[in-house]
Amino acid sequence: MLTCALIVWILQPVNFDYTELRETFLTEQECISNLSNNYSCIKIDKRYDLTKTEWQKDNCSISEHEWQGEK
């Protein structure tokens, strides 16, 4: 029962702030179309901004680019 309570607390902490949520858009135009006062568009470079595991899951590893994250 304690394990279940810990899992729930980790997934939904008491101090959870809904204003810090962000959406991810595939294109800059999609982001601009959904832009509101609560959001801002942030451009990411997947070679640097993703972890190696995220980069591999995103099929970036089969492109011409190499992961440039932490070495």
PDB file of N, CA and C in Angstrom:
ATOM      1  N   MET A   1       0.824  -1.191   0.000  1.00  0.00           N
ATOM      2  CA  MET A   1       0.000   0.000   0.000  1.00  0.00           C
ATOM      3  C   MET A   1       0.869   1.257   0.000  1.00  0.00           C
ATOM      4  N   LEU A   2       1.956   1.234   0.752  1.00  0.00           N
ATOM      5  CA  LEU A   2       2.868   2.368   0.775  1.00  0.00           C
ATOM      6  C   LEU A   2       3.490   2.584  -0.604  1.00  0.00           C
ATOM      7  N   THR A   3       3.810   1.496  -1.270  1.00  0.00           N
ATOM      8  CA  THR A   3       4.378   1.601  -2.611  1.00  0.00           C
ATOM      9  C   THR A   3       3.397   2.275  -3.560  1.00  0.00           C
ATOM     10  N   CYS A   4       2.136   1.896  -3.473  1.00  0.00           N
ATOM     11  CA  CYS A   4       1.102   2.494  -4.314  1.00  0.00           C
ATOM     12  C   CYS A   4       0.988   3.995  -4.028  1.00  0.00           C
ATOM     13  N   ALA A   5       1.008   4.371  -2.767  1.00  0.00           N
ATOM     14  CA  ALA A   5       0.919   5.782  -2.388  1.00  0.00           C
ATOM     15  C   ALA A   5       2.112   6.567  -2.924  1.00  0.00           C
ATOM     16  N   LEU A   6       3.297   5.974  -2.878  1.00  0.00           N
ATOM     17  CA  LEU A   6       4.485   6.648  -3.397  1.00  0.00           C
ATOM     18  C   LEU A   6       4.401   6.843  -4.907  1.00  0.00           C
ATOM     19  N   ILE A   7       3.913   5.834  -5.596  1.00  0.00           N
ATOM     20  CA  ILE A   7       3.766   5.940  -7.049  1.00  0.00           C
ATOM     21  C   ILE A   7       2.780   7.048  -7.407  1.00  0.00           C
ATOM     22  N   VAL A   8       1.656   7.099  -6.711  1.00  0.00           N
ATOM     23  CA  VAL A   8       0.658   8.144  -6.961  1.00  0.00           C
ATOM     24  C   VAL A   8       1.249   9.518  -6.674  1.00  0.00           C
ATOM     25  N   TRP A   9       1.999   9.655  -5.587  1.00  0.00           N
ATOM     26  CA  TRP A   9       2.597  10.939  -5.233  1.00  0.00           C
ATOM     27  C   TRP A   9       3.622  11.372  -6.278  1.00  0.00           C
ATOM     28  N   ILE A  10       4.389  10.425  -6.807  1.00  0.00           N
ATOM     29  CA  ILE A  10       5.378  10.761  -7.828  1.00  0.00           C
ATOM     30  C   ILE A  10       4.686  11.208  -9.112  1.00  0.00           C
ATOM     31  N   LEU A  11       3.624  10.504  -9.493  1.00  0.00           N
ATOM     32  CA  LEU A  11       2.920  10.844 -10.721  1.00  0.00           C
ATOM     33  C   LEU A  11       2.080  12.109 -10.592  1.00  0.00           C
ATOM     34  N   GLN A  12       1.553  12.388  -9.413  1.00  0.00           N
ATOM     35  CA  GLN A  12       0.703  13.556  -9.184  1.00  0.00           C
ATOM     36  C   GLN A  12       1.083  14.201  -7.857  1.00  0.00           C
ATOM     37  N   PRO A  13       2.209  14.928  -7.799  1.00  0.00           N
ATOM     38  CA  PRO A  13       2.631  15.524  -6.532  1.00  0.00           C
ATOM     39  C   PRO A  13       1.663  16.600  -6.050  1.00  0.00           C
ATOM     40  N   VAL A  14       1.687  16.872  -4.753  1.00  0.00           N
ATOM     41  CA  VAL A  14       0.784  17.841  -4.137  1.00  0.00           C
ATOM     42  C   VAL A  14       1.031  19.241  -4.692  1.00  0.00           C
ATOM     43  N   ASN A  15       2.270  19.582  -4.920  1.00  0.00           N
ATOM     44  CA  ASN A  15       2.603  20.932  -5.376  1.00  0.00           C
ATOM     45  C   ASN A  15       2.695  21.034  -6.901  1.00  0.00           C
ATOM     46  N   PHE A  16       1.953  20.228  -7.610  1.00  0.00           N
ATOM     47  CA  PHE A  16       1.980  20.220  -9.069  1.00  0.00           C
ATOM     48  C   PHE A  16       1.419  21.526  -9.606  1.00  0.00           C
ATOM     49  N   ASP A  17       2.130  22.165 -10.509  1.00  0.00           N
ATOM     50  CA  ASP A  17       1.728  23.449 -11.068  1.00  0.00           C
ATOM     51  C   ASP A  17       1.336  23.257 -12.533  1.00  0.00           C
ATOM     52  N   TYR A  18       0.043  23.370 -12.820  1.00  0.00           N
ATOM     53  CA  TYR A  18      -0.450  23.162 -14.178  1.00  0.00           C
ATOM     54  C   TYR A  18       0.032  24.232 -15.152  1.00  0.00           C
ATOM     55  N   THR A  19       0.461  25.389 -14.653  1.00  0.00           N
ATOM     56  CA  THR A  19       0.918  26.456 -15.545  1.00  0.00           C
ATOM     57  C   THR A  19       2.271  26.146 -16.158  1.00  0.00           C
ATOM     58  N   GLU A  20       2.990  25.170 -15.622  1.00  0.00           N
ATOM     59  CA  GLU A  20       4.304  24.834 -16.147  1.00  0.00           C
ATOM     60  C   GLU A  20       4.262  23.750 -17.219  1.00  0.00           C
ATOM     61  N   LEU A  21       3.071  23.322 -17.606  1.00  0.00           N
ATOM     62  CA  LEU A  21       2.949  22.326 -18.668  1.00  0.00           C
ATOM     63  C   LEU A  21       3.299  22.957 -20.003  1.00  0.00           C
ATOM     64  N   ARG A  22       3.847  22.164 -20.895  1.00  0.00           N
ATOM     65  CA  ARG A  22       4.108  22.681 -22.232  1.00  0.00           C
ATOM     66  C   ARG A  22       3.782  21.613 -23.256  1.00  0.00           C
ATOM     67  N   GLU A  23       3.411  22.064 -24.416  1.00  0.00           N
ATOM     68  CA  GLU A  23       3.108  21.157 -25.511  1.00  0.00           C
ATOM     69  C   GLU A  23       4.280  21.137 -26.472  1.00  0.00           C
ATOM     70  N   THR A  24       4.416  20.054 -27.182  1.00  0.00           N
ATOM     71  CA  THR A  24       5.469  19.930 -28.174  1.00  0.00           C
ATOM     72  C   THR A  24       4.827  19.891 -29.551  1.00  0.00           C
ATOM     73  N   PHE A  25       5.331  20.721 -30.438  1.00  0.00           N
ATOM     74  CA  PHE A  25       4.823  20.780 -31.800  1.00  0.00           C
ATOM     75  C   PHE A  25       5.931  20.368 -32.757  1.00  0.00           C
ATOM     76  N   LEU A  26       5.568  19.717 -33.831  1.00  0.00           N
ATOM     77  CA  LEU A  26       6.555  19.221 -34.780  1.00  0.00           C
ATOM     78  C   LEU A  26       7.134  20.323 -35.657  1.00  0.00           C
ATOM     79  N   THR A  27       6.336  21.338 -35.941  1.00  0.00           N
ATOM     80  CA  THR A  27       6.810  22.403 -36.816  1.00  0.00           C
ATOM     81  C   THR A  27       6.666  23.754 -36.140  1.00  0.00           C
ATOM     82  N   GLU A  28       7.442  24.715 -36.615  1.00  0.00           N
ATOM     83  CA  GLU A  28       7.357  26.073 -36.082  1.00  0.00           C
ATOM     84  C   GLU A  28       5.989  26.676 -36.378  1.00  0.00           C
ATOM     85  N   GLN A  29       5.445  26.420 -37.562  1.00  0.00           N
ATOM     86  CA  GLN A  29       4.141  26.965 -37.930  1.00  0.00           C
ATOM     87  C   GLN A  29       3.042  26.436 -37.020  1.00  0.00           C
ATOM     88  N   GLU A  30       3.098  25.168 -36.676  1.00  0.00           N
ATOM     89  CA  GLU A  30       2.112  24.579 -35.769  1.00  0.00           C
ATOM     90  C   GLU A  30       2.188  25.247 -34.403  1.00  0.00           C
ATOM     91  N   CYS A  31       3.389  25.531 -33.942  1.00  0.00           N
ATOM     92  CA  CYS A  31       3.567  26.204 -32.660  1.00  0.00           C
ATOM     93  C   CYS A  31       2.986  27.611 -32.713  1.00  0.00           C
ATOM     94  N   ILE A  32       3.305  28.344 -33.762  1.00  0.00           N
ATOM     95  CA  ILE A  32       2.809  29.718 -33.896  1.00  0.00           C
ATOM     96  C   ILE A  32       1.289  29.729 -33.985  1.00  0.00           C
ATOM     97  N   SER A  33       0.702  28.755 -34.666  1.00  0.00           N
ATOM     98  CA  SER A  33      -0.754  28.676 -34.786  1.00  0.00           C
ATOM     99  C   SER A  33      -1.423  28.446 -33.441  1.00  0.00           C
ATOM    100  N   ASN A  34      -0.762  27.752 -32.534  1.00  0.00           N
ATOM    101  CA  ASN A  34      -1.327  27.447 -31.223  1.00  0.00           C
ATOM    102  C   ASN A  34      -0.820  28.382 -30.132  1.00  0.00           C
ATOM    103  N   LEU A  35      -0.120  29.433 -30.516  1.00  0.00           N
ATOM    104  CA  LEU A  35       0.475  30.357 -29.561  1.00  0.00           C
ATOM    105  C   LEU A  35      -0.606  31.117 -28.806  1.00  0.00           C
ATOM    106  N   SER A  36      -0.450  31.223 -27.497  1.00  0.00           N
ATOM    107  CA  SER A  36      -1.355  32.008 -26.664  1.00  0.00           C
ATOM    108  C   SER A  36      -0.520  32.761 -25.643  1.00  0.00           C
ATOM    109  N   ASN A  37      -1.176  33.470 -24.741  1.00  0.00           N
ATOM    110  CA  ASN A  37      -0.464  34.248 -23.724  1.00  0.00           C
ATOM    111  C   ASN A  37       0.324  33.365 -22.767  1.00  0.00           C
ATOM    112  N   ASN A  38      -0.077  32.123 -22.607  1.00  0.00           N
ATOM    113  CA  ASN A  38       0.569  31.227 -21.649  1.00  0.00           C
ATOM    114  C   ASN A  38       1.747  30.460 -22.242  1.00  0.00           C
ATOM    115  N   TYR A  39       1.903  30.498 -23.550  1.00  0.00           N
ATOM    116  CA  TYR A  39       2.925  29.687 -24.200  1.00  0.00           C
ATOM    117  C   TYR A  39       3.903  30.551 -24.971  1.00  0.00           C
ATOM    118  N   SER A  40       5.076  30.033 -25.150  1.00  0.00           N
ATOM    119  CA  SER A  40       6.047  30.634 -26.057  1.00  0.00           C
ATOM    120  C   SER A  40       6.690  29.502 -26.840  1.00  0.00           C
ATOM    121  N   CYS A  41       7.108  29.785 -28.042  1.00  0.00           N
ATOM    122  CA  CYS A  41       7.721  28.763 -28.886  1.00  0.00           C
ATOM    123  C   CYS A  41       9.210  28.692 -28.595  1.00  0.00           C
ATOM    124  N   ILE A  42       9.700  27.496 -28.390  1.00  0.00           N
ATOM    125  CA  ILE A  42      11.118  27.262 -28.146  1.00  0.00           C
ATOM    126  C   ILE A  42      11.607  26.293 -29.210  1.00  0.00           C
ATOM    127  N   LYS A  43      12.591  26.714 -29.969  1.00  0.00           N
ATOM    128  CA  LYS A  43      13.147  25.841 -30.999  1.00  0.00           C
ATOM    129  C   LYS A  43      14.222  24.974 -30.366  1.00  0.00           C
ATOM    130  N   ILE A  44      14.154  23.666 -30.623  1.00  0.00           N
ATOM    131  CA  ILE A  44      15.165  22.764 -30.080  1.00  0.00           C
ATOM    132  C   ILE A  44      15.944  22.129 -31.220  1.00  0.00           C
ATOM    133  N   ASP A  45      17.156  21.791 -30.929  1.00  0.00           N
ATOM    134  CA  ASP A  45      17.989  21.032 -31.853  1.00  0.00           C
ATOM    135  C   ASP A  45      18.105  19.635 -31.261  1.00  0.00           C
ATOM    136  N   LYS A  46      17.500  18.668 -31.912  1.00  0.00           N
ATOM    137  CA  LYS A  46      17.451  17.317 -31.352  1.00  0.00           C
ATOM    138  C   LYS A  46      18.831  16.718 -31.134  1.00  0.00           C
ATOM    139  N   ARG A  47      19.823  17.168 -31.887  1.00  0.00           N
ATOM    140  CA  ARG A  47      21.175  16.636 -31.715  1.00  0.00           C
ATOM    141  C   ARG A  47      21.747  17.009 -30.352  1.00  0.00           C
ATOM    142  N   TYR A  48      21.291  18.141 -29.798  1.00  0.00           N
ATOM    143  CA  TYR A  48      21.833  18.622 -28.525  1.00  0.00           C
ATOM    144  C   TYR A  48      20.844  18.488 -27.373  1.00  0.00           C
ATOM    145  N   ASP A  49      19.558  18.736 -27.640  1.00  0.00           N
ATOM    146  CA  ASP A  49      18.575  18.874 -26.574  1.00  0.00           C
ATOM    147  C   ASP A  49      17.947  17.571 -26.100  1.00  0.00           C
ATOM    148  N   LEU A  50      18.066  16.508 -26.862  1.00  0.00           N
ATOM    149  CA  LEU A  50      17.532  15.218 -26.431  1.00  0.00           C
ATOM    150  C   LEU A  50      18.633  14.386 -25.788  1.00  0.00           C
ATOM    151  N   THR A  51      18.220  13.512 -24.869  1.00  0.00           N
ATOM    152  CA  THR A  51      19.184  12.551 -24.338  1.00  0.00           C
ATOM    153  C   THR A  51      19.450  11.521 -25.433  1.00  0.00           C
ATOM    154  N   LYS A  52      20.493  10.745 -25.272  1.00  0.00           N
ATOM    155  CA  LYS A  52      20.834   9.746 -26.299  1.00  0.00           C
ATOM    156  C   LYS A  52      19.683   8.750 -26.482  1.00  0.00           C
ATOM    157  N   THR A  53      19.047   8.338 -25.391  1.00  0.00           N
ATOM    158  CA  THR A  53      17.927   7.394 -25.471  1.00  0.00           C
ATOM    159  C   THR A  53      16.752   8.017 -26.216  1.00  0.00           C
ATOM    160  N   GLU A  54      16.401   9.273 -25.892  1.00  0.00           N
ATOM    161  CA  GLU A  54      15.310   9.955 -26.589  1.00  0.00           C
ATOM    162  C   GLU A  54      15.638  10.109 -28.072  1.00  0.00           C
ATOM    163  N   TRP A  55      16.889  10.439 -28.355  1.00  0.00           N
ATOM    164  CA  TRP A  55      17.345  10.637 -29.726  1.00  0.00           C
ATOM    165  C   TRP A  55      17.191   9.350 -30.532  1.00  0.00           C
ATOM    166  N   GLN A  56      17.538   8.213 -29.927  1.00  0.00           N
ATOM    167  CA  GLN A  56      17.417   6.928 -30.619  1.00  0.00           C
ATOM    168  C   GLN A  56      15.951   6.540 -30.809  1.00  0.00           C
ATOM    169  N   LYS A  57      15.112   6.792 -29.812  1.00  0.00           N
ATOM    170  CA  LYS A  57      13.687   6.462 -29.930  1.00  0.00           C
ATOM    171  C   LYS A  57      12.993   7.334 -30.969  1.00  0.00           C
ATOM    172  N   ASP A  58      13.503   8.532 -31.182  1.00  0.00           N
ATOM    173  CA  ASP A  58      12.906   9.475 -32.121  1.00  0.00           C
ATOM    174  C   ASP A  58      13.366   9.227 -33.555  1.00  0.00           C
ATOM    175  N   ASN A  59      14.074   8.150 -33.785  1.00  0.00           N
ATOM    176  CA  ASN A  59      14.610   7.779 -35.101  1.00  0.00           C
ATOM    177  C   ASN A  59      15.627   8.778 -35.631  1.00  0.00           C
ATOM    178  N   CYS A  60      16.149   9.626 -34.760  1.00  0.00           N
ATOM    179  CA  CYS A  60      17.184  10.569 -35.185  1.00  0.00           C
ATOM    180  C   CYS A  60      18.458   9.831 -35.549  1.00  0.00           C
ATOM    181  N   SER A  61      18.647   8.681 -34.952  1.00  0.00           N
ATOM    182  CA  SER A  61      19.892   7.946 -35.177  1.00  0.00           C
ATOM    183  C   SER A  61      20.015   7.428 -36.607  1.00  0.00           C
ATOM    184  N   ILE A  62      18.912   7.347 -37.350  1.00  0.00           N
ATOM    185  CA  ILE A  62      19.001   6.869 -38.730  1.00  0.00           C
ATOM    186  C   ILE A  62      19.138   8.021 -39.726  1.00  0.00           C
ATOM    187  N   SER A  63      19.141   9.255 -39.229  1.00  0.00           N
ATOM    188  CA  SER A  63      19.323  10.403 -40.113  1.00  0.00           C
ATOM    189  C   SER A  63      20.809  10.658 -40.325  1.00  0.00           C
ATOM    190  N   GLU A  64      21.111  11.730 -41.044  1.00  0.00           N
ATOM    191  CA  GLU A  64      22.515  12.046 -41.316  1.00  0.00           C
ATOM    192  C   GLU A  64      23.217  12.669 -40.117  1.00  0.00           C
ATOM    193  N   HIS A  65      22.453  13.114 -39.129  1.00  0.00           N
ATOM    194  CA  HIS A  65      23.033  13.812 -37.985  1.00  0.00           C
ATOM    195  C   HIS A  65      23.566  12.836 -36.943  1.00  0.00           C
ATOM    196  N   GLU A  66      24.502  13.298 -36.164  1.00  0.00           N
ATOM    197  CA  GLU A  66      25.022  12.525 -35.042  1.00  0.00           C
ATOM    198  C   GLU A  66      24.602  13.203 -33.759  1.00  0.00           C
ATOM    199  N   TRP A  67      24.323  12.409 -32.732  1.00  0.00           N
ATOM    200  CA  TRP A  67      23.961  12.957 -31.434  1.00  0.00           C
ATOM    201  C   TRP A  67      25.149  13.722 -30.883  1.00  0.00           C
ATOM    202  N   GLN A  68      24.931  14.961 -30.474  1.00  0.00           N
ATOM    203  CA  GLN A  68      26.011  15.832 -30.021  1.00  0.00           C
ATOM    204  C   GLN A  68      25.891  16.174 -28.544  1.00  0.00           C
ATOM    205  N   GLY A  69      25.082  15.418 -27.809  1.00  0.00           N
ATOM    206  CA  GLY A  69      24.860  15.696 -26.389  1.00  0.00           C
ATOM    207  C   GLY A  69      26.092  15.448 -25.549  1.00  0.00           C
ATOM    208  N   GLU A  70      25.854  15.144 -24.282  1.00  0.00           N
ATOM    209  CA  GLU A  70      26.956  14.945 -23.341  1.00  0.00           C
ATOM    210  C   GLU A  70      27.910  13.871 -23.836  1.00  0.00           C
ATOM    211  N   LYS A  71      29.162  14.116 -23.646  1.00  0.00           N
ATOM    212  CA  LYS A  71      30.177  13.148 -24.084  1.00  0.00           C
ATOM    213  C   LYS A  71      30.876  12.556 -22.891  1.00  0.00           C
TER     214      LYS A  71
END
